[in-house]
């Protein structure tokens, strides 16, 4: 199972916040950033990119994963391993990836890879001394699989996520 050191987690979270600041979200004003770390330590950032046709919107998680696949296609090995993913938005509560992003994650990442779902107020929460938590998603069946919301963890305060919090969510 992939694991992250405390320093790697903080770097990954910081990169996700940086990515969020590059989001193109003129319609919903719902900015999301993601950072994907490879096992060799490279961090690939992605942000959501909206389109007036909401179906054409690209989520932050997929942006980071597509970058990784593109970079990987330029390598002769064609095998990229990931050690972690961090996702952050402007919403106070941590958000969970949409159904399409969950399937992308399932397609390209190991089931035990840590996925950090970070609340927007993470830095304030961290300063209070509250411990951040990270669990992993689990796969109970062979491909294709459904990722149960209860197998995702949130950093900082634990919040129950309702689909109404995500304007673009599907199948949570």
N, C-alpha and C. Protein backbone atom coordinates (compact mmCIF):
# COMPACT_ATOMS: atom_id res chain seq x y z
N UNK A 1 0.84 -1.18 0.00
CA UNK A 1 0.00 0.00 0.00
C UNK A 1 0.88 1.24 0.00
N UNK A 2 0.51 2.20 -0.80
CA UNK A 2 1.22 3.46 -0.83
C UNK A 2 0.95 4.22 0.46
N UNK A 3 1.95 4.93 0.91
CA UNK A 3 1.75 5.77 2.08
C UNK A 3 2.52 7.05 1.88
N UNK A 4 2.13 8.06 2.62
CA UNK A 4 2.77 9.36 2.53
C UNK A 4 3.34 9.74 3.88
N UNK A 5 4.50 10.38 3.87
CA UNK A 5 5.03 10.93 5.11
C UNK A 5 4.25 12.20 5.42
N UNK A 6 4.40 12.71 6.63
CA UNK A 6 3.72 13.95 7.01
C UNK A 6 4.15 15.09 6.09
N UNK A 7 5.43 15.14 5.76
CA UNK A 7 5.94 16.19 4.87
C UNK A 7 5.35 16.06 3.47
N UNK A 8 5.27 14.84 2.94
CA UNK A 8 4.68 14.63 1.62
C UNK A 8 3.20 15.02 1.61
N UNK A 9 2.50 14.69 2.69
CA UNK A 9 1.08 15.06 2.78
C UNK A 9 0.92 16.57 2.72
N UNK A 10 1.73 17.29 3.50
CA UNK A 10 1.63 18.75 3.53
C UNK A 10 1.98 19.36 2.17
N UNK A 11 3.00 18.81 1.50
CA UNK A 11 3.37 19.29 0.16
C UNK A 11 2.24 19.04 -0.84
N UNK A 12 1.64 17.88 -0.74
CA UNK A 12 0.55 17.53 -1.64
C UNK A 12 -0.66 18.43 -1.40
N UNK A 13 -0.97 18.68 -0.15
CA UNK A 13 -2.09 19.57 0.19
C UNK A 13 -1.81 20.99 -0.29
N UNK A 14 -0.59 21.48 -0.07
CA UNK A 14 -0.22 22.83 -0.52
C UNK A 14 -0.35 22.93 -2.05
N UNK A 15 0.07 21.89 -2.75
CA UNK A 15 -0.03 21.89 -4.21
C UNK A 15 -1.49 21.90 -4.66
N UNK A 16 -2.36 21.22 -3.94
CA UNK A 16 -3.79 21.22 -4.28
C UNK A 16 -4.38 22.62 -4.09
N UNK A 17 -3.98 23.32 -3.02
CA UNK A 17 -4.44 24.70 -2.82
C UNK A 17 -3.93 25.60 -3.95
N UNK A 18 -2.68 25.43 -4.35
CA UNK A 18 -2.13 26.21 -5.47
C UNK A 18 -2.92 25.93 -6.75
N UNK A 19 -3.22 24.68 -6.99
CA UNK A 19 -3.99 24.30 -8.18
C UNK A 19 -5.38 24.93 -8.15
N UNK A 20 -6.00 24.93 -6.98
CA UNK A 20 -7.34 25.51 -6.86
C UNK A 20 -7.35 26.97 -7.32
N UNK A 21 -6.26 27.68 -7.03
CA UNK A 21 -6.19 29.09 -7.39
C UNK A 21 -6.11 29.32 -8.90
N UNK A 22 -5.85 28.27 -9.68
CA UNK A 22 -5.80 28.39 -11.14
C UNK A 22 -7.09 27.92 -11.80
N UNK A 23 -8.08 27.55 -11.01
CA UNK A 23 -9.34 27.04 -11.57
C UNK A 23 -10.02 28.08 -12.45
N UNK A 24 -10.69 27.61 -13.47
CA UNK A 24 -11.50 28.45 -14.34
C UNK A 24 -12.95 28.10 -14.06
N UNK A 25 -13.60 28.90 -13.21
CA UNK A 25 -14.96 28.60 -12.78
C UNK A 25 -15.84 29.86 -12.81
N UNK A 26 -15.99 30.47 -13.99
CA UNK A 26 -16.75 31.72 -14.06
C UNK A 26 -18.25 31.56 -13.87
N UNK A 27 -18.76 30.35 -14.02
CA UNK A 27 -20.21 30.13 -13.94
C UNK A 27 -20.66 29.74 -12.54
N UNK A 28 -20.02 28.75 -11.98
CA UNK A 28 -20.44 28.27 -10.66
C UNK A 28 -19.67 28.94 -9.52
N UNK A 29 -18.52 29.51 -9.83
CA UNK A 29 -17.61 30.07 -8.81
C UNK A 29 -17.15 28.98 -7.84
N UNK A 30 -17.24 27.74 -8.25
CA UNK A 30 -16.87 26.58 -7.43
C UNK A 30 -15.50 26.09 -7.88
N UNK A 31 -14.45 26.59 -7.21
CA UNK A 31 -13.08 26.25 -7.59
C UNK A 31 -12.61 24.99 -6.87
N UNK A 32 -11.96 24.11 -7.62
CA UNK A 32 -11.43 22.86 -7.06
C UNK A 32 -10.01 22.68 -7.56
N UNK A 33 -9.14 22.24 -6.65
CA UNK A 33 -7.76 21.92 -7.02
C UNK A 33 -7.43 20.51 -6.60
N UNK A 34 -6.58 19.87 -7.37
CA UNK A 34 -6.13 18.52 -7.05
C UNK A 34 -4.63 18.44 -7.29
N UNK A 35 -3.98 17.60 -6.50
CA UNK A 35 -2.55 17.35 -6.68
C UNK A 35 -2.33 15.86 -6.57
N UNK A 36 -1.64 15.31 -7.56
CA UNK A 36 -1.37 13.88 -7.65
C UNK A 36 0.13 13.68 -7.56
N UNK A 37 0.55 12.85 -6.61
CA UNK A 37 1.99 12.60 -6.44
C UNK A 37 2.35 11.24 -7.00
N UNK A 38 3.42 11.22 -7.80
CA UNK A 38 3.92 9.95 -8.33
C UNK A 38 4.85 9.32 -7.29
N UNK A 39 5.11 8.05 -7.45
CA UNK A 39 5.98 7.37 -6.49
C UNK A 39 7.41 7.88 -6.55
N UNK A 40 7.77 8.56 -7.64
CA UNK A 40 9.11 9.15 -7.70
C UNK A 40 9.13 10.58 -7.17
N UNK A 41 8.00 11.04 -6.58
CA UNK A 41 7.95 12.33 -5.91
C UNK A 41 7.45 13.49 -6.74
N UNK A 42 7.20 13.29 -8.01
CA UNK A 42 6.70 14.37 -8.85
C UNK A 42 5.25 14.67 -8.47
N UNK A 43 4.91 15.96 -8.41
CA UNK A 43 3.53 16.36 -8.11
C UNK A 43 2.94 17.02 -9.34
N UNK A 44 1.81 16.49 -9.78
CA UNK A 44 1.08 17.02 -10.93
C UNK A 44 -0.19 17.67 -10.42
N UNK A 45 -0.39 18.94 -10.79
CA UNK A 45 -1.55 19.69 -10.31
C UNK A 45 -2.63 19.75 -11.38
N UNK A 46 -3.86 19.83 -10.92
CA UNK A 46 -4.99 20.01 -11.81
C UNK A 46 -6.05 20.86 -11.16
N UNK A 47 -6.77 21.62 -11.96
CA UNK A 47 -7.89 22.41 -11.44
C UNK A 47 -9.09 22.20 -12.34
N UNK A 48 -10.27 22.54 -11.82
CA UNK A 48 -11.46 22.38 -12.65
C UNK A 48 -11.50 23.48 -13.70
N UNK A 49 -12.00 23.11 -14.87
CA UNK A 49 -12.10 24.03 -16.00
C UNK A 49 -13.53 23.94 -16.50
N UNK A 50 -14.30 25.00 -16.24
CA UNK A 50 -15.72 24.99 -16.60
C UNK A 50 -15.93 25.39 -18.05
N UNK A 51 -17.12 25.06 -18.51
CA UNK A 51 -17.58 25.41 -19.83
C UNK A 51 -19.04 25.81 -19.68
N UNK A 52 -19.52 26.71 -20.54
CA UNK A 52 -20.92 27.12 -20.45
C UNK A 52 -21.85 25.91 -20.56
N UNK A 53 -21.40 24.90 -21.26
CA UNK A 53 -22.11 23.62 -21.28
C UNK A 53 -21.53 22.80 -20.13
N UNK A 54 -22.26 22.72 -19.02
CA UNK A 54 -21.70 22.09 -17.82
C UNK A 54 -21.16 20.69 -18.07
N UNK A 55 -21.73 19.97 -19.01
CA UNK A 55 -21.23 18.63 -19.33
C UNK A 55 -19.80 18.67 -19.88
N UNK A 56 -19.39 19.81 -20.39
CA UNK A 56 -18.04 19.97 -20.92
C UNK A 56 -17.03 20.36 -19.86
N UNK A 57 -17.47 20.51 -18.64
CA UNK A 57 -16.57 20.87 -17.54
C UNK A 57 -15.64 19.71 -17.22
N UNK A 58 -14.39 20.05 -16.94
CA UNK A 58 -13.40 19.04 -16.57
C UNK A 58 -13.05 19.26 -15.10
N UNK A 59 -13.17 18.22 -14.31
CA UNK A 59 -12.89 18.30 -12.87
C UNK A 59 -11.39 18.33 -12.61
N UNK A 60 -11.02 18.84 -11.45
CA UNK A 60 -9.61 18.96 -11.07
C UNK A 60 -8.91 17.60 -11.00
N UNK A 61 -9.59 16.61 -10.45
CA UNK A 61 -8.98 15.28 -10.30
C UNK A 61 -8.63 14.70 -11.67
N UNK A 62 -9.56 14.84 -12.62
CA UNK A 62 -9.31 14.32 -13.96
C UNK A 62 -8.22 15.11 -14.67
N UNK A 63 -8.17 16.42 -14.44
CA UNK A 63 -7.11 17.22 -15.06
C UNK A 63 -5.75 16.71 -14.63
N UNK A 64 -5.57 16.46 -13.34
CA UNK A 64 -4.28 15.95 -12.84
C UNK A 64 -3.99 14.57 -13.41
N UNK A 65 -4.99 13.70 -13.43
CA UNK A 65 -4.78 12.34 -13.95
C UNK A 65 -4.48 12.34 -15.45
N UNK A 66 -5.15 13.20 -16.21
CA UNK A 66 -4.88 13.28 -17.65
C UNK A 66 -3.45 13.77 -17.89
N UNK A 67 -3.01 14.74 -17.10
CA UNK A 67 -1.61 15.19 -17.20
C UNK A 67 -0.66 14.01 -16.98
N UNK A 68 -0.95 13.22 -15.97
CA UNK A 68 -0.09 12.08 -15.65
C UNK A 68 -0.07 11.07 -16.79
N UNK A 69 -1.22 10.80 -17.37
CA UNK A 69 -1.29 9.85 -18.48
C UNK A 69 -0.54 10.41 -19.70
N UNK A 70 -0.69 11.71 -19.96
CA UNK A 70 0.00 12.33 -21.08
C UNK A 70 1.51 12.25 -20.88
N UNK A 71 1.98 12.62 -19.70
CA UNK A 71 3.41 12.55 -19.41
C UNK A 71 3.89 11.11 -19.53
N UNK A 72 3.09 10.20 -19.02
CA UNK A 72 3.44 8.78 -19.07
C UNK A 72 3.54 8.29 -20.51
N UNK A 73 2.69 8.80 -21.40
CA UNK A 73 2.71 8.35 -22.79
C UNK A 73 3.98 8.79 -23.49
N UNK A 74 4.66 9.78 -22.95
CA UNK A 74 5.92 10.24 -23.52
C UNK A 74 7.09 9.39 -23.04
N UNK A 75 6.86 8.59 -22.02
CA UNK A 75 7.91 7.71 -21.49
C UNK A 75 7.81 6.34 -22.16
N UNK A 76 8.92 5.67 -22.25
CA UNK A 76 8.91 4.35 -22.87
C UNK A 76 8.30 3.29 -21.96
N UNK A 77 8.38 3.48 -20.65
CA UNK A 77 7.89 2.47 -19.70
C UNK A 77 6.36 2.36 -19.71
N UNK A 78 5.67 3.46 -19.92
CA UNK A 78 4.21 3.50 -19.93
C UNK A 78 3.60 3.01 -18.63
N UNK A 79 4.33 3.13 -17.55
CA UNK A 79 3.81 2.71 -16.24
C UNK A 79 4.10 3.81 -15.24
N UNK A 80 3.08 4.44 -14.73
CA UNK A 80 3.25 5.49 -13.73
C UNK A 80 2.54 5.03 -12.47
N UNK A 81 3.22 5.10 -11.37
CA UNK A 81 2.60 4.73 -10.09
C UNK A 81 2.40 5.99 -9.28
N UNK A 82 1.32 6.02 -8.52
CA UNK A 82 0.98 7.20 -7.74
C UNK A 82 0.98 6.87 -6.26
N UNK A 83 1.43 7.83 -5.47
CA UNK A 83 1.50 7.60 -4.02
C UNK A 83 0.44 8.37 -3.25
N UNK A 84 -0.25 9.31 -3.89
CA UNK A 84 -1.29 10.04 -3.18
C UNK A 84 -1.97 11.08 -4.04
N UNK A 85 -3.16 11.47 -3.63
CA UNK A 85 -3.96 12.49 -4.30
C UNK A 85 -4.59 13.37 -3.23
N UNK A 86 -4.52 14.69 -3.41
CA UNK A 86 -5.19 15.63 -2.50
C UNK A 86 -6.19 16.44 -3.31
N UNK A 87 -7.37 16.69 -2.73
CA UNK A 87 -8.43 17.45 -3.39
C UNK A 87 -8.94 18.51 -2.42
N UNK A 88 -9.07 19.75 -2.90
CA UNK A 88 -9.55 20.85 -2.07
C UNK A 88 -10.46 21.75 -2.91
N UNK A 89 -11.40 22.41 -2.25
CA UNK A 89 -12.27 23.36 -2.94
C UNK A 89 -12.40 24.61 -2.08
N UNK A 90 -13.34 25.48 -2.44
CA UNK A 90 -13.62 26.67 -1.63
C UNK A 90 -14.65 26.39 -0.55
N UNK A 91 -15.22 25.19 -0.55
CA UNK A 91 -16.26 24.83 0.41
C UNK A 91 -15.61 24.50 1.75
N UNK A 92 -16.22 24.96 2.84
CA UNK A 92 -15.66 24.72 4.17
C UNK A 92 -15.48 23.24 4.46
N UNK A 93 -16.45 22.42 4.08
CA UNK A 93 -16.35 20.98 4.29
C UNK A 93 -15.55 20.36 3.15
N UNK A 94 -14.85 19.31 3.46
CA UNK A 94 -14.13 18.58 2.41
C UNK A 94 -15.14 18.01 1.43
N UNK A 95 -14.77 17.99 0.15
CA UNK A 95 -15.67 17.45 -0.86
C UNK A 95 -15.16 16.10 -1.35
N UNK A 96 -16.05 15.34 -1.91
CA UNK A 96 -15.72 14.03 -2.44
C UNK A 96 -15.75 14.09 -3.97
N UNK A 97 -14.88 13.36 -4.64
CA UNK A 97 -14.89 13.37 -6.11
C UNK A 97 -16.23 12.90 -6.67
N UNK A 98 -16.58 13.45 -7.84
CA UNK A 98 -17.81 13.03 -8.51
C UNK A 98 -17.65 11.61 -9.04
N UNK A 99 -18.70 11.06 -9.54
CA UNK A 99 -18.68 9.69 -10.03
C UNK A 99 -17.70 9.46 -11.18
N UNK A 100 -17.62 10.41 -12.11
CA UNK A 100 -16.69 10.27 -13.22
C UNK A 100 -15.26 10.28 -12.71
N UNK A 101 -14.96 11.19 -11.79
CA UNK A 101 -13.60 11.25 -11.22
C UNK A 101 -13.28 9.99 -10.44
N UNK A 102 -14.25 9.47 -9.71
CA UNK A 102 -14.03 8.22 -8.97
C UNK A 102 -13.66 7.09 -9.93
N UNK A 103 -14.32 7.06 -11.07
CA UNK A 103 -14.00 6.02 -12.04
C UNK A 103 -12.60 6.22 -12.62
N UNK A 104 -12.23 7.47 -12.89
CA UNK A 104 -10.87 7.76 -13.36
C UNK A 104 -9.84 7.32 -12.32
N UNK A 105 -10.10 7.65 -11.06
CA UNK A 105 -9.19 7.26 -9.98
C UNK A 105 -9.10 5.74 -9.93
N UNK A 106 -10.23 5.08 -10.05
CA UNK A 106 -10.26 3.61 -10.02
C UNK A 106 -9.46 3.03 -11.18
N UNK A 107 -9.53 3.69 -12.33
CA UNK A 107 -8.87 3.21 -13.54
C UNK A 107 -7.34 3.31 -13.45
N UNK A 108 -6.86 4.41 -12.86
CA UNK A 108 -5.43 4.69 -12.93
C UNK A 108 -4.67 4.57 -11.61
N UNK A 109 -5.36 4.44 -10.50
CA UNK A 109 -4.69 4.43 -9.19
C UNK A 109 -4.97 3.13 -8.44
N UNK A 110 -4.01 2.75 -7.63
CA UNK A 110 -4.17 1.55 -6.81
C UNK A 110 -5.28 1.77 -5.77
N UNK A 111 -6.05 0.75 -5.45
CA UNK A 111 -7.14 0.90 -4.48
C UNK A 111 -6.71 1.42 -3.11
N UNK A 112 -5.50 1.12 -2.69
CA UNK A 112 -5.06 1.54 -1.35
C UNK A 112 -4.31 2.87 -1.34
N UNK A 113 -4.26 3.56 -2.49
CA UNK A 113 -3.57 4.85 -2.53
C UNK A 113 -4.30 5.87 -1.66
N UNK A 114 -3.57 6.59 -0.80
CA UNK A 114 -4.22 7.62 0.03
C UNK A 114 -4.81 8.74 -0.82
N UNK A 115 -6.03 9.11 -0.49
CA UNK A 115 -6.70 10.23 -1.15
C UNK A 115 -7.11 11.19 -0.04
N UNK A 116 -6.53 12.38 -0.09
CA UNK A 116 -6.75 13.38 0.96
C UNK A 116 -7.86 14.32 0.52
N UNK A 117 -8.97 14.31 1.22
CA UNK A 117 -10.09 15.20 0.95
C UNK A 117 -10.02 16.31 1.98
N UNK A 118 -9.63 17.49 1.53
CA UNK A 118 -9.19 18.57 2.41
C UNK A 118 -10.21 19.70 2.47
N UNK A 119 -10.62 20.13 3.67
CA UNK A 119 -11.55 21.26 3.77
C UNK A 119 -10.83 22.57 3.42
N UNK A 120 -11.58 23.55 2.96
CA UNK A 120 -11.01 24.83 2.56
C UNK A 120 -10.29 25.53 3.72
N UNK A 121 -10.73 25.27 4.95
CA UNK A 121 -10.11 25.91 6.12
C UNK A 121 -9.04 25.03 6.75
N UNK A 122 -8.41 24.18 5.96
CA UNK A 122 -7.43 23.22 6.47
C UNK A 122 -6.32 23.89 7.26
N UNK A 123 -5.76 25.00 6.76
CA UNK A 123 -4.64 25.62 7.47
C UNK A 123 -5.08 26.13 8.84
N UNK A 124 -6.30 26.65 8.94
CA UNK A 124 -6.80 27.10 10.24
C UNK A 124 -7.03 25.92 11.17
N UNK A 125 -7.56 24.84 10.62
CA UNK A 125 -7.80 23.63 11.40
C UNK A 125 -6.49 23.05 11.89
N UNK A 126 -5.48 23.03 11.02
CA UNK A 126 -4.18 22.46 11.37
C UNK A 126 -3.52 23.27 12.49
N UNK A 127 -3.74 24.58 12.50
CA UNK A 127 -3.12 25.43 13.53
C UNK A 127 -3.70 25.18 14.91
N UNK A 128 -4.92 24.66 14.98
CA UNK A 128 -5.53 24.39 16.27
C UNK A 128 -4.99 23.12 16.91
N UNK A 129 -4.16 22.40 16.15
CA UNK A 129 -3.57 21.18 16.68
C UNK A 129 -4.41 19.94 16.44
N UNK A 130 -5.55 20.12 15.81
CA UNK A 130 -6.38 18.96 15.50
C UNK A 130 -5.65 18.10 14.47
N UNK A 131 -5.62 16.81 14.72
CA UNK A 131 -4.92 15.92 13.79
C UNK A 131 -5.72 15.73 12.52
N UNK A 132 -5.01 15.78 11.41
CA UNK A 132 -5.64 15.49 10.13
C UNK A 132 -5.69 13.98 9.94
N UNK A 133 -6.73 13.53 9.30
CA UNK A 133 -6.88 12.09 9.08
C UNK A 133 -6.83 11.76 7.60
N UNK A 134 -6.30 10.62 7.30
CA UNK A 134 -6.30 10.14 5.93
C UNK A 134 -6.55 8.65 5.94
N UNK A 135 -7.60 8.24 5.28
CA UNK A 135 -7.85 6.83 5.09
C UNK A 135 -7.77 6.57 3.60
N UNK A 136 -7.96 5.36 3.22
CA UNK A 136 -7.92 5.03 1.80
C UNK A 136 -9.27 4.52 1.34
N UNK A 137 -9.49 4.60 0.07
CA UNK A 137 -10.70 4.00 -0.49
C UNK A 137 -10.42 2.51 -0.63
N UNK A 138 -11.44 1.72 -0.59
CA UNK A 138 -11.23 0.28 -0.71
C UNK A 138 -12.07 -0.25 -1.85
N UNK A 139 -11.61 -1.31 -2.42
CA UNK A 139 -12.34 -1.97 -3.48
C UNK A 139 -12.73 -3.35 -2.99
N UNK A 140 -14.02 -3.61 -2.90
CA UNK A 140 -14.50 -4.90 -2.39
C UNK A 140 -14.83 -5.86 -3.53
N UNK A 141 -14.71 -5.41 -4.75
CA UNK A 141 -15.02 -6.28 -5.88
C UNK A 141 -14.04 -6.02 -7.00
N UNK A 142 -14.10 -6.85 -8.01
CA UNK A 142 -13.22 -6.65 -9.15
C UNK A 142 -13.79 -5.55 -10.04
N UNK A 143 -13.03 -5.11 -10.98
CA UNK A 143 -13.43 -4.06 -11.90
C UNK A 143 -14.67 -4.47 -12.67
N UNK A 144 -15.66 -3.63 -12.93
CA UNK A 144 -15.77 -2.29 -12.38
C UNK A 144 -16.31 -2.32 -10.96
N UNK A 145 -16.01 -1.30 -10.21
CA UNK A 145 -16.45 -1.27 -8.82
C UNK A 145 -17.15 0.04 -8.51
N UNK A 146 -17.94 0.02 -7.50
CA UNK A 146 -18.58 1.22 -7.00
C UNK A 146 -17.82 1.63 -5.76
N UNK A 147 -17.45 2.89 -5.68
CA UNK A 147 -16.72 3.38 -4.52
C UNK A 147 -17.72 3.94 -3.52
N UNK A 148 -17.81 3.34 -2.38
CA UNK A 148 -18.74 3.73 -1.34
C UNK A 148 -18.26 5.01 -0.68
N UNK A 149 -19.14 5.99 -0.53
CA UNK A 149 -18.78 7.26 0.09
C UNK A 149 -18.17 7.05 1.47
N UNK A 150 -18.63 6.04 2.19
CA UNK A 150 -18.13 5.80 3.54
C UNK A 150 -16.68 5.34 3.57
N UNK A 151 -16.10 4.98 2.42
CA UNK A 151 -14.71 4.56 2.40
C UNK A 151 -13.77 5.72 2.11
N UNK A 152 -14.31 6.92 1.99
CA UNK A 152 -13.49 8.10 1.75
C UNK A 152 -13.34 8.84 3.07
N UNK A 153 -12.20 9.45 3.27
CA UNK A 153 -11.99 10.18 4.52
C UNK A 153 -11.79 11.65 4.23
N UNK A 154 -11.94 12.42 5.26
CA UNK A 154 -11.84 13.86 5.15
C UNK A 154 -10.79 14.35 6.14
N UNK A 155 -10.00 15.32 5.73
CA UNK A 155 -9.00 15.89 6.62
C UNK A 155 -9.63 17.03 7.40
N UNK A 156 -9.22 17.17 8.63
CA UNK A 156 -9.79 18.21 9.47
C UNK A 156 -11.07 17.70 10.10
N UNK A 157 -12.04 18.58 10.23
CA UNK A 157 -13.32 18.18 10.80
C UNK A 157 -14.03 17.23 9.85
N UNK A 158 -14.65 16.23 10.39
CA UNK A 158 -15.39 15.28 9.57
C UNK A 158 -16.78 15.85 9.30
N UNK A 159 -17.15 15.86 8.05
CA UNK A 159 -18.45 16.37 7.64
C UNK A 159 -19.13 15.32 6.78
N UNK A 160 -20.43 15.24 6.86
CA UNK A 160 -21.19 14.37 5.97
C UNK A 160 -21.44 15.17 4.70
N UNK A 161 -21.12 14.62 3.58
CA UNK A 161 -21.27 15.31 2.32
C UNK A 161 -22.62 14.99 1.69
N UNK A 162 -23.32 16.01 1.30
CA UNK A 162 -24.58 15.83 0.59
C UNK A 162 -24.38 16.27 -0.85
N UNK A 163 -25.01 15.58 -1.77
CA UNK A 163 -24.80 15.89 -3.18
C UNK A 163 -25.21 17.31 -3.53
N UNK A 164 -26.07 17.92 -2.75
CA UNK A 164 -26.47 19.30 -3.03
C UNK A 164 -25.30 20.27 -2.86
N UNK A 165 -24.24 19.86 -2.17
CA UNK A 165 -23.08 20.72 -2.01
C UNK A 165 -22.24 20.76 -3.29
N UNK A 166 -22.43 19.81 -4.18
CA UNK A 166 -21.64 19.74 -5.39
C UNK A 166 -22.52 20.00 -6.60
N UNK A 167 -22.39 21.17 -7.22
CA UNK A 167 -23.26 21.47 -8.34
C UNK A 167 -23.08 20.53 -9.52
N UNK A 168 -21.93 19.88 -9.63
CA UNK A 168 -21.66 19.00 -10.77
C UNK A 168 -21.64 17.53 -10.38
N UNK A 169 -22.11 17.19 -9.20
CA UNK A 169 -21.95 15.82 -8.72
C UNK A 169 -22.87 14.84 -9.44
N UNK A 170 -22.37 13.63 -9.54
CA UNK A 170 -23.19 12.54 -10.07
C UNK A 170 -22.98 11.31 -9.23
N UNK A 171 -24.03 10.70 -8.86
CA UNK A 171 -23.96 9.39 -8.23
C UNK A 171 -23.19 9.27 -6.95
N UNK A 172 -23.21 10.28 -6.09
CA UNK A 172 -22.54 10.12 -4.80
C UNK A 172 -23.47 9.33 -3.95
